[in-house]
Amino acid sequence: MMPEHNPREHNPKAIQVAQAPDGTLTYLVSVAPEALPPVRARDLDAAWQRARAAAIQEHWGDMRLFRFRRDDGQDLDLALADPDAACWAAAADRVATLASEYGLSLCLRLLALVALMARAGWAKSYFTLRRDGADIAPALLTAAATTALTRDALFDADALRTRLASTNLLGTPA
């Protein structure tokens, strides 16, 4: 069972946000992607639906830059410059502010889910692509909401697949 996280609670020192005159948002994050908390599957689904609606209306969102600082002093820089990625991030920001660890985790999980769906052949049985979006099986949403992110802010496909199997969700594709 996943602990409840309040998306409105956050450590203001963990994430600092600045906006450039051109609208670009920069996030300085003192937490590594793999240390971000799990999220609620319903919030991941809500962000997915909002991103889909925004893309249909061509509301792409602002470019966002992230710098994650790890305890060992190493940085991970992530730029969401393409319109689709900016749209996903803006949708996650509307569900739970990206100035919180929860909201940032939601955003990264949404982006990692999109990447996983594009590259992991086994995942195709868990979603159906349509002209106006996609239907994602609740099992895949739940696994994506609770599987840890990697150091590179992605999902380890094998770990996510194992999570599906270990929670008896593997047999419920879309």
N, C-alpha and C. Protein backbone atom coordinates (compact mmCIF):
# COMPACT_ATOMS: atom_id res chain seq x y z
N MET A 1 0.84 -1.18 0.00
CA MET A 1 0.00 0.00 0.00
C MET A 1 0.88 1.24 0.00
N MET A 2 0.53 2.19 -0.84
CA MET A 2 1.31 3.40 -0.98
C MET A 2 0.91 4.43 0.07
N PRO A 3 1.90 5.08 0.71
CA PRO A 3 1.55 6.12 1.67
C PRO A 3 0.90 7.30 0.95
N GLU A 4 -0.02 7.94 1.62
CA GLU A 4 -0.68 9.11 1.05
C GLU A 4 0.27 10.31 1.08
N HIS A 5 0.33 10.99 -0.03
CA HIS A 5 1.11 12.22 -0.13
C HIS A 5 0.16 13.34 -0.49
N ASN A 6 0.28 14.44 0.17
CA ASN A 6 -0.53 15.59 -0.15
C ASN A 6 0.20 16.40 -1.20
N PRO A 7 -0.37 16.54 -2.42
CA PRO A 7 0.32 17.26 -3.47
C PRO A 7 0.57 18.73 -3.14
N ARG A 8 -0.14 19.26 -2.18
CA ARG A 8 0.06 20.67 -1.82
C ARG A 8 1.18 20.86 -0.80
N GLU A 9 1.57 19.78 -0.13
CA GLU A 9 2.68 19.86 0.83
C GLU A 9 4.00 19.80 0.08
N HIS A 10 4.90 20.65 0.44
CA HIS A 10 6.22 20.55 -0.16
C HIS A 10 7.24 21.27 0.71
N ASN A 11 8.47 20.87 0.51
CA ASN A 11 9.59 21.50 1.19
C ASN A 11 10.05 22.65 0.29
N PRO A 12 9.81 23.90 0.68
CA PRO A 12 10.15 25.02 -0.19
C PRO A 12 11.64 25.12 -0.50
N LYS A 13 12.49 24.50 0.31
CA LYS A 13 13.92 24.54 0.05
C LYS A 13 14.35 23.47 -0.95
N ALA A 14 13.50 22.45 -1.17
CA ALA A 14 13.86 21.34 -2.06
C ALA A 14 13.83 21.76 -3.52
N ILE A 15 12.94 22.68 -3.89
CA ILE A 15 12.79 23.09 -5.29
C ILE A 15 12.65 24.61 -5.34
N GLN A 16 13.56 25.22 -6.06
CA GLN A 16 13.50 26.66 -6.29
C GLN A 16 13.15 26.88 -7.75
N VAL A 17 12.22 27.80 -8.01
CA VAL A 17 11.74 28.04 -9.37
C VAL A 17 11.98 29.50 -9.73
N ALA A 18 12.46 29.70 -10.96
CA ALA A 18 12.64 31.05 -11.49
C ALA A 18 12.09 31.08 -12.91
N GLN A 19 11.54 32.24 -13.30
CA GLN A 19 11.01 32.38 -14.65
C GLN A 19 11.79 33.46 -15.38
N ALA A 20 12.26 33.12 -16.57
CA ALA A 20 12.99 34.07 -17.42
C ALA A 20 11.99 34.96 -18.15
N PRO A 21 12.45 36.10 -18.65
CA PRO A 21 11.54 36.99 -19.39
C PRO A 21 10.83 36.33 -20.57
N ASP A 22 11.47 35.31 -21.17
CA ASP A 22 10.84 34.62 -22.31
C ASP A 22 9.83 33.56 -21.87
N GLY A 23 9.61 33.41 -20.57
CA GLY A 23 8.65 32.45 -20.04
C GLY A 23 9.27 31.13 -19.61
N THR A 24 10.53 30.89 -19.97
CA THR A 24 11.19 29.65 -19.58
C THR A 24 11.24 29.53 -18.06
N LEU A 25 10.84 28.37 -17.56
CA LEU A 25 10.87 28.11 -16.13
C LEU A 25 12.08 27.25 -15.81
N THR A 26 12.83 27.64 -14.79
CA THR A 26 14.00 26.87 -14.35
C THR A 26 13.77 26.39 -12.93
N TYR A 27 14.01 25.10 -12.74
CA TYR A 27 13.81 24.46 -11.44
C TYR A 27 15.16 23.96 -10.94
N LEU A 28 15.56 24.42 -9.77
CA LEU A 28 16.75 23.90 -9.10
C LEU A 28 16.25 22.97 -8.02
N VAL A 29 16.59 21.70 -8.16
CA VAL A 29 16.00 20.65 -7.33
C VAL A 29 17.08 19.99 -6.49
N SER A 30 16.90 19.99 -5.18
CA SER A 30 17.90 19.40 -4.29
C SER A 30 17.64 17.92 -4.02
N VAL A 31 16.71 17.33 -4.75
CA VAL A 31 16.36 15.92 -4.61
C VAL A 31 16.60 15.23 -5.95
N ALA A 32 17.24 14.08 -5.93
CA ALA A 32 17.49 13.32 -7.16
C ALA A 32 16.18 12.70 -7.65
N PRO A 33 16.03 12.51 -8.96
CA PRO A 33 14.79 11.92 -9.48
C PRO A 33 14.42 10.60 -8.81
N GLU A 34 15.41 9.75 -8.55
CA GLU A 34 15.12 8.44 -7.96
C GLU A 34 14.65 8.55 -6.51
N ALA A 35 14.80 9.71 -5.88
CA ALA A 35 14.36 9.91 -4.50
C ALA A 35 12.97 10.56 -4.41
N LEU A 36 12.38 10.89 -5.55
CA LEU A 36 11.06 11.52 -5.53
C LEU A 36 10.00 10.49 -5.12
N PRO A 37 8.93 10.97 -4.49
CA PRO A 37 7.93 10.04 -3.94
C PRO A 37 7.05 9.42 -5.02
N PRO A 38 6.40 8.31 -4.68
CA PRO A 38 5.38 7.77 -5.58
C PRO A 38 4.22 8.76 -5.65
N VAL A 39 3.36 8.59 -6.64
CA VAL A 39 2.20 9.47 -6.79
C VAL A 39 0.94 8.61 -6.86
N ARG A 40 -0.19 9.24 -6.83
CA ARG A 40 -1.46 8.52 -6.97
C ARG A 40 -1.72 8.26 -8.45
N ALA A 41 -2.17 7.05 -8.76
CA ALA A 41 -2.49 6.70 -10.14
C ALA A 41 -3.55 7.65 -10.70
N ARG A 42 -4.49 8.06 -9.87
CA ARG A 42 -5.54 8.97 -10.36
C ARG A 42 -4.96 10.33 -10.75
N ASP A 43 -3.90 10.77 -10.07
CA ASP A 43 -3.26 12.03 -10.45
C ASP A 43 -2.49 11.87 -11.76
N LEU A 44 -1.86 10.73 -11.94
CA LEU A 44 -1.16 10.46 -13.20
C LEU A 44 -2.15 10.42 -14.35
N ASP A 45 -3.28 9.79 -14.14
CA ASP A 45 -4.33 9.75 -15.16
C ASP A 45 -4.87 11.16 -15.44
N ALA A 46 -5.07 11.95 -14.40
CA ALA A 46 -5.57 13.32 -14.58
C ALA A 46 -4.57 14.15 -15.39
N ALA A 47 -3.29 14.01 -15.11
CA ALA A 47 -2.28 14.74 -15.87
C ALA A 47 -2.27 14.28 -17.33
N TRP A 48 -2.40 12.98 -17.54
CA TRP A 48 -2.46 12.44 -18.91
C TRP A 48 -3.64 13.06 -19.66
N GLN A 49 -4.81 13.07 -19.03
CA GLN A 49 -6.02 13.61 -19.68
C GLN A 49 -5.89 15.11 -19.95
N ARG A 50 -5.31 15.84 -19.02
CA ARG A 50 -5.12 17.29 -19.22
C ARG A 50 -4.13 17.56 -20.35
N ALA A 51 -3.08 16.77 -20.42
CA ALA A 51 -2.10 16.94 -21.50
C ALA A 51 -2.75 16.66 -22.84
N ARG A 52 -3.55 15.62 -22.91
CA ARG A 52 -4.24 15.28 -24.14
C ARG A 52 -5.15 16.43 -24.58
N ALA A 53 -5.93 16.96 -23.65
CA ALA A 53 -6.85 18.07 -23.96
C ALA A 53 -6.07 19.32 -24.40
N ALA A 54 -4.97 19.61 -23.73
CA ALA A 54 -4.16 20.78 -24.09
C ALA A 54 -3.53 20.61 -25.47
N ALA A 55 -3.07 19.42 -25.79
CA ALA A 55 -2.46 19.18 -27.10
C ALA A 55 -3.49 19.34 -28.22
N ILE A 56 -4.70 18.87 -27.99
CA ILE A 56 -5.76 19.03 -28.99
C ILE A 56 -6.02 20.51 -29.26
N GLN A 57 -5.94 21.32 -28.21
CA GLN A 57 -6.17 22.76 -28.33
C GLN A 57 -4.89 23.53 -28.69
N GLU A 58 -3.79 22.78 -28.84
CA GLU A 58 -2.47 23.36 -29.16
C GLU A 58 -2.00 24.36 -28.12
N HIS A 59 -2.25 24.04 -26.84
CA HIS A 59 -1.73 24.81 -25.71
C HIS A 59 -0.49 24.06 -25.22
N TRP A 60 0.66 24.48 -25.68
CA TRP A 60 1.87 23.69 -25.48
C TRP A 60 2.58 23.92 -24.16
N GLY A 61 2.46 25.05 -23.56
CA GLY A 61 3.15 25.29 -22.29
C GLY A 61 4.53 25.89 -22.51
N ASP A 62 5.14 26.32 -21.42
CA ASP A 62 6.45 26.97 -21.46
C ASP A 62 7.57 25.94 -21.42
N MET A 63 8.71 26.32 -21.98
CA MET A 63 9.90 25.49 -21.86
C MET A 63 10.29 25.44 -20.39
N ARG A 64 10.78 24.29 -19.96
CA ARG A 64 11.18 24.10 -18.56
C ARG A 64 12.56 23.45 -18.52
N LEU A 65 13.38 23.96 -17.62
CA LEU A 65 14.73 23.44 -17.40
C LEU A 65 14.81 22.97 -15.96
N PHE A 66 15.40 21.80 -15.77
CA PHE A 66 15.53 21.22 -14.43
C PHE A 66 17.00 20.90 -14.17
N ARG A 67 17.46 21.23 -12.99
CA ARG A 67 18.78 20.79 -12.53
C ARG A 67 18.58 20.09 -11.20
N PHE A 68 18.85 18.78 -11.22
CA PHE A 68 18.74 17.96 -10.02
C PHE A 68 20.11 17.83 -9.40
N ARG A 69 20.22 18.13 -8.12
CA ARG A 69 21.48 18.01 -7.39
C ARG A 69 21.40 16.79 -6.50
N ARG A 70 22.32 15.89 -6.69
CA ARG A 70 22.36 14.67 -5.88
C ARG A 70 23.21 14.91 -4.63
N ASP A 71 23.06 14.03 -3.66
CA ASP A 71 23.84 14.13 -2.42
C ASP A 71 25.34 14.07 -2.69
N ASP A 72 25.74 13.35 -3.75
CA ASP A 72 27.17 13.24 -4.07
C ASP A 72 27.70 14.46 -4.84
N GLY A 73 26.86 15.47 -5.05
CA GLY A 73 27.28 16.70 -5.71
C GLY A 73 27.12 16.68 -7.22
N GLN A 74 26.80 15.52 -7.81
CA GLN A 74 26.60 15.45 -9.25
C GLN A 74 25.25 16.06 -9.62
N ASP A 75 25.19 16.60 -10.82
CA ASP A 75 23.96 17.21 -11.32
C ASP A 75 23.40 16.41 -12.48
N LEU A 76 22.09 16.44 -12.62
CA LEU A 76 21.41 15.95 -13.80
C LEU A 76 20.63 17.12 -14.35
N ASP A 77 20.90 17.49 -15.59
CA ASP A 77 20.17 18.57 -16.25
C ASP A 77 19.18 17.97 -17.22
N LEU A 78 17.96 18.48 -17.20
CA LEU A 78 16.90 18.01 -18.06
C LEU A 78 16.21 19.23 -18.64
N ALA A 79 16.10 19.27 -19.97
CA ALA A 79 15.43 20.38 -20.65
C ALA A 79 14.19 19.84 -21.36
N LEU A 80 13.06 20.44 -21.08
CA LEU A 80 11.82 20.10 -21.77
C LEU A 80 11.52 21.23 -22.74
N ALA A 81 12.15 21.14 -23.90
CA ALA A 81 12.07 22.23 -24.87
C ALA A 81 11.07 21.94 -25.99
N ASP A 82 10.83 20.67 -26.29
CA ASP A 82 9.92 20.41 -27.40
C ASP A 82 8.48 20.63 -26.94
N PRO A 83 7.60 21.03 -27.87
CA PRO A 83 6.22 21.38 -27.47
C PRO A 83 5.48 20.26 -26.75
N ASP A 84 5.66 19.02 -27.18
CA ASP A 84 4.96 17.92 -26.51
C ASP A 84 5.40 17.79 -25.06
N ALA A 85 6.70 17.80 -24.82
CA ALA A 85 7.20 17.67 -23.45
C ALA A 85 6.73 18.85 -22.60
N ALA A 86 6.75 20.06 -23.17
CA ALA A 86 6.28 21.23 -22.44
C ALA A 86 4.79 21.09 -22.10
N CYS A 87 4.03 20.51 -23.01
CA CYS A 87 2.60 20.29 -22.79
C CYS A 87 2.38 19.30 -21.64
N TRP A 88 3.15 18.20 -21.63
CA TRP A 88 3.04 17.21 -20.55
C TRP A 88 3.36 17.85 -19.20
N ALA A 89 4.44 18.64 -19.18
CA ALA A 89 4.85 19.28 -17.93
C ALA A 89 3.80 20.27 -17.44
N ALA A 90 3.25 21.05 -18.36
CA ALA A 90 2.22 22.03 -17.97
C ALA A 90 0.99 21.32 -17.40
N ALA A 91 0.63 20.19 -17.99
CA ALA A 91 -0.52 19.43 -17.49
C ALA A 91 -0.25 18.92 -16.08
N ALA A 92 0.94 18.37 -15.85
CA ALA A 92 1.29 17.90 -14.51
C ALA A 92 1.29 19.05 -13.52
N ASP A 93 1.76 20.22 -13.94
CA ASP A 93 1.80 21.40 -13.08
C ASP A 93 0.40 21.83 -12.66
N ARG A 94 -0.58 21.63 -13.54
CA ARG A 94 -1.96 21.98 -13.20
C ARG A 94 -2.58 20.99 -12.22
N VAL A 95 -2.11 19.75 -12.22
CA VAL A 95 -2.64 18.75 -11.29
C VAL A 95 -1.99 18.91 -9.92
N ALA A 96 -0.68 19.10 -9.89
CA ALA A 96 0.07 19.26 -8.63
C ALA A 96 1.30 20.10 -8.94
N THR A 97 1.44 21.21 -8.32
CA THR A 97 2.51 22.15 -8.66
C THR A 97 3.89 21.50 -8.77
N LEU A 98 4.61 21.84 -9.83
CA LEU A 98 5.96 21.31 -10.01
C LEU A 98 6.95 21.92 -9.03
N ALA A 99 6.50 22.88 -8.25
CA ALA A 99 7.35 23.43 -7.19
C ALA A 99 7.34 22.54 -5.96
N SER A 100 6.64 21.40 -6.05
CA SER A 100 6.62 20.43 -4.96
C SER A 100 7.28 19.14 -5.43
N GLU A 101 7.80 18.36 -4.49
CA GLU A 101 8.39 17.07 -4.84
C GLU A 101 7.34 16.16 -5.46
N TYR A 102 6.13 16.20 -4.94
CA TYR A 102 5.06 15.37 -5.47
C TYR A 102 4.75 15.76 -6.91
N GLY A 103 4.57 17.04 -7.16
CA GLY A 103 4.25 17.50 -8.51
C GLY A 103 5.36 17.22 -9.50
N LEU A 104 6.59 17.40 -9.06
CA LEU A 104 7.72 17.10 -9.93
C LEU A 104 7.79 15.60 -10.21
N SER A 105 7.53 14.79 -9.21
CA SER A 105 7.49 13.34 -9.41
C SER A 105 6.38 12.98 -10.40
N LEU A 106 5.23 13.60 -10.27
CA LEU A 106 4.12 13.37 -11.20
C LEU A 106 4.55 13.69 -12.63
N CYS A 107 5.18 14.82 -12.82
CA CYS A 107 5.64 15.25 -14.14
C CYS A 107 6.63 14.25 -14.74
N LEU A 108 7.64 13.90 -13.96
CA LEU A 108 8.67 12.98 -14.46
C LEU A 108 8.09 11.61 -14.75
N ARG A 109 7.15 11.15 -13.94
CA ARG A 109 6.52 9.85 -14.17
C ARG A 109 5.67 9.89 -15.44
N LEU A 110 5.00 10.99 -15.69
CA LEU A 110 4.22 11.13 -16.91
C LEU A 110 5.14 11.06 -18.14
N LEU A 111 6.23 11.80 -18.09
CA LEU A 111 7.19 11.79 -19.19
C LEU A 111 7.84 10.41 -19.35
N ALA A 112 8.17 9.78 -18.23
CA ALA A 112 8.79 8.45 -18.28
C ALA A 112 7.80 7.41 -18.83
N LEU A 113 6.53 7.57 -18.50
CA LEU A 113 5.51 6.66 -19.01
C LEU A 113 5.40 6.79 -20.53
N VAL A 114 5.39 8.01 -21.03
CA VAL A 114 5.34 8.23 -22.48
C VAL A 114 6.55 7.58 -23.15
N ALA A 115 7.73 7.76 -22.57
CA ALA A 115 8.95 7.16 -23.12
C ALA A 115 8.87 5.63 -23.09
N LEU A 116 8.38 5.08 -21.99
CA LEU A 116 8.24 3.63 -21.87
C LEU A 116 7.27 3.09 -22.93
N MET A 117 6.16 3.77 -23.10
CA MET A 117 5.16 3.33 -24.08
C MET A 117 5.74 3.33 -25.49
N ALA A 118 6.67 4.23 -25.76
CA ALA A 118 7.28 4.31 -27.08
C ALA A 118 8.34 3.23 -27.31
N ARG A 119 9.00 2.76 -26.25
CA ARG A 119 10.15 1.88 -26.45
C ARG A 119 9.98 0.44 -25.97
N ALA A 120 9.04 0.17 -25.08
CA ALA A 120 8.91 -1.18 -24.52
C ALA A 120 7.78 -1.93 -25.23
N GLY A 121 8.15 -2.86 -26.08
CA GLY A 121 7.17 -3.60 -26.86
C GLY A 121 6.13 -4.31 -26.00
N TRP A 122 6.55 -4.86 -24.86
CA TRP A 122 5.61 -5.58 -24.00
C TRP A 122 4.52 -4.67 -23.46
N ALA A 123 4.79 -3.37 -23.38
CA ALA A 123 3.82 -2.43 -22.80
C ALA A 123 2.64 -2.16 -23.74
N LYS A 124 2.79 -2.48 -25.02
CA LYS A 124 1.73 -2.18 -26.00
C LYS A 124 0.39 -2.83 -25.66
N SER A 125 0.42 -3.92 -24.92
CA SER A 125 -0.84 -4.56 -24.55
C SER A 125 -1.54 -3.82 -23.41
N TYR A 126 -0.92 -2.79 -22.88
CA TYR A 126 -1.48 -2.02 -21.77
C TYR A 126 -2.03 -0.66 -22.17
N PHE A 127 -2.02 -0.36 -23.46
CA PHE A 127 -2.61 0.89 -23.91
C PHE A 127 -3.11 0.74 -25.34
N THR A 128 -4.07 1.57 -25.70
CA THR A 128 -4.61 1.61 -27.04
C THR A 128 -4.47 3.03 -27.56
N LEU A 129 -3.76 3.19 -28.67
CA LEU A 129 -3.62 4.51 -29.27
C LEU A 129 -4.80 4.78 -30.19
N ARG A 130 -5.32 5.99 -30.08
CA ARG A 130 -6.39 6.44 -30.96
C ARG A 130 -5.96 7.76 -31.58
N ARG A 131 -6.70 8.19 -32.55
CA ARG A 131 -6.38 9.45 -33.22
C ARG A 131 -6.37 10.62 -32.23
N ASP A 132 -7.24 10.58 -31.23
CA ASP A 132 -7.36 11.69 -30.28
C ASP A 132 -6.72 11.40 -28.92
N GLY A 133 -5.86 10.40 -28.86
CA GLY A 133 -5.19 10.13 -27.59
C GLY A 133 -4.93 8.66 -27.38
N ALA A 134 -4.98 8.24 -26.15
CA ALA A 134 -4.71 6.84 -25.81
C ALA A 134 -5.50 6.46 -24.57
N ASP A 135 -5.87 5.21 -24.51
CA ASP A 135 -6.44 4.64 -23.30
C ASP A 135 -5.35 3.81 -22.65
N ILE A 136 -5.09 4.04 -21.38
CA ILE A 136 -4.05 3.33 -20.65
C ILE A 136 -4.70 2.47 -19.58
N ALA A 137 -4.29 1.20 -19.54
CA ALA A 137 -4.83 0.29 -18.53
C ALA A 137 -4.52 0.81 -17.13
N PRO A 138 -5.48 0.71 -16.22
CA PRO A 138 -5.23 1.12 -14.84
C PRO A 138 -4.00 0.45 -14.23
N ALA A 139 -3.74 -0.79 -14.61
CA ALA A 139 -2.58 -1.50 -14.08
C ALA A 139 -1.28 -0.79 -14.44
N LEU A 140 -1.17 -0.33 -15.67
CA LEU A 140 0.04 0.37 -16.10
C LEU A 140 0.15 1.72 -15.40
N LEU A 141 -0.97 2.42 -15.24
CA LEU A 141 -0.94 3.70 -14.52
C LEU A 141 -0.50 3.49 -13.07
N THR A 142 -1.01 2.45 -12.44
CA THR A 142 -0.65 2.17 -11.05
C THR A 142 0.83 1.84 -10.93
N ALA A 143 1.33 1.01 -11.84
CA ALA A 143 2.75 0.65 -11.81
C ALA A 143 3.62 1.89 -12.04
N ALA A 144 3.24 2.73 -12.98
CA ALA A 144 4.01 3.95 -13.27
C ALA A 144 3.95 4.93 -12.09
N ALA A 145 2.85 4.94 -11.39
CA ALA A 145 2.70 5.85 -10.25
C ALA A 145 3.57 5.44 -9.07
N THR A 146 3.90 4.14 -8.99
CA THR A 146 4.57 3.64 -7.79
C THR A 146 5.96 3.05 -8.00
N THR A 147 6.36 2.82 -9.24
CA THR A 147 7.70 2.30 -9.51
C THR A 147 8.71 3.44 -9.41
N ALA A 148 9.83 3.19 -8.78
CA ALA A 148 10.85 4.23 -8.62
C ALA A 148 11.40 4.67 -9.98
N LEU A 149 11.71 5.95 -10.07
CA LEU A 149 12.39 6.47 -11.25
C LEU A 149 13.88 6.11 -11.17
N THR A 150 14.54 6.11 -12.32
CA THR A 150 15.98 5.87 -12.35
C THR A 150 16.74 7.17 -12.12
N ARG A 151 18.05 7.07 -12.08
CA ARG A 151 18.91 8.25 -11.93
C ARG A 151 18.70 9.24 -13.08
N ASP A 152 18.25 8.73 -14.22
CA ASP A 152 18.04 9.56 -15.40
C ASP A 152 16.59 10.02 -15.56
N ALA A 153 15.79 9.85 -14.52
CA ALA A 153 14.40 10.29 -14.51
C ALA A 153 13.53 9.52 -15.50
N LEU A 154 13.85 8.24 -15.69
CA LEU A 154 13.06 7.35 -16.54
C LEU A 154 12.62 6.15 -15.71
N PHE A 155 11.93 5.23 -16.36
CA PHE A 155 11.61 3.96 -15.71
C PHE A 155 12.55 2.90 -16.23
N ASP A 156 12.99 2.04 -15.35
CA ASP A 156 13.64 0.81 -15.77
C ASP A 156 12.49 -0.09 -16.21
N ALA A 157 12.44 -0.43 -17.50
CA ALA A 157 11.32 -1.19 -18.05
C ALA A 157 11.14 -2.52 -17.33
N ASP A 158 12.24 -3.18 -16.99
CA ASP A 158 12.14 -4.46 -16.29
C ASP A 158 11.57 -4.28 -14.89
N ALA A 159 11.98 -3.22 -14.20
CA ALA A 159 11.47 -2.96 -12.85
C ALA A 159 9.97 -2.66 -12.89
N LEU A 160 9.54 -1.90 -13.89
CA LEU A 160 8.13 -1.58 -13.99
C LEU A 160 7.33 -2.83 -14.33
N ARG A 161 7.85 -3.66 -15.21
CA ARG A 161 7.17 -4.90 -15.57
C ARG A 161 7.09 -5.83 -14.36
N THR A 162 8.17 -5.89 -13.59
CA THR A 162 8.17 -6.70 -12.36
C THR A 162 7.13 -6.17 -11.38
N ARG A 163 7.01 -4.86 -11.29
CA ARG A 163 6.00 -4.25 -10.40
C ARG A 163 4.60 -4.68 -10.83
N LEU A 164 4.35 -4.67 -12.13
CA LEU A 164 3.05 -5.13 -12.64
C LEU A 164 2.79 -6.57 -12.20
N ALA A 165 3.78 -7.42 -12.37
CA ALA A 165 3.62 -8.83 -12.03
C ALA A 165 3.49 -9.04 -10.53
N SER A 166 4.28 -8.33 -9.74
CA SER A 166 4.28 -8.55 -8.29
C SER A 166 3.00 -8.07 -7.62
N THR A 167 2.29 -7.20 -8.26
CA THR A 167 1.04 -6.71 -7.69
C THR A 167 -0.17 -7.38 -8.34
N ASN A 168 0.11 -8.48 -9.06
CA ASN A 168 -0.95 -9.23 -9.75
C ASN A 168 -1.71 -8.38 -10.74
N LEU A 169 -1.02 -7.41 -11.33
CA LEU A 169 -1.67 -6.55 -12.31
C LEU A 169 -1.33 -6.95 -13.73
N LEU A 170 -0.39 -7.86 -13.92
CA LEU A 170 0.10 -8.19 -15.25
C LEU A 170 -1.01 -8.73 -16.14
N GLY A 171 -1.98 -9.37 -15.61
CA GLY A 171 -3.00 -9.98 -16.45
C GLY A 171 -4.13 -9.04 -16.84
N THR A 172 -3.98 -7.74 -16.67
CA THR A 172 -5.09 -6.82 -16.97
C THR A 172 -4.71 -5.78 -18.00
N PRO A 173 -4.29 -6.20 -19.23
CA PRO A 173 -3.98 -5.20 -20.24
C PRO A 173 -5.22 -4.47 -20.71
N ALA A 174 -5.00 -3.37 -21.42
CA ALA A 174 -6.11 -2.54 -21.93
C ALA A 174 -6.98 -3.31 -22.89
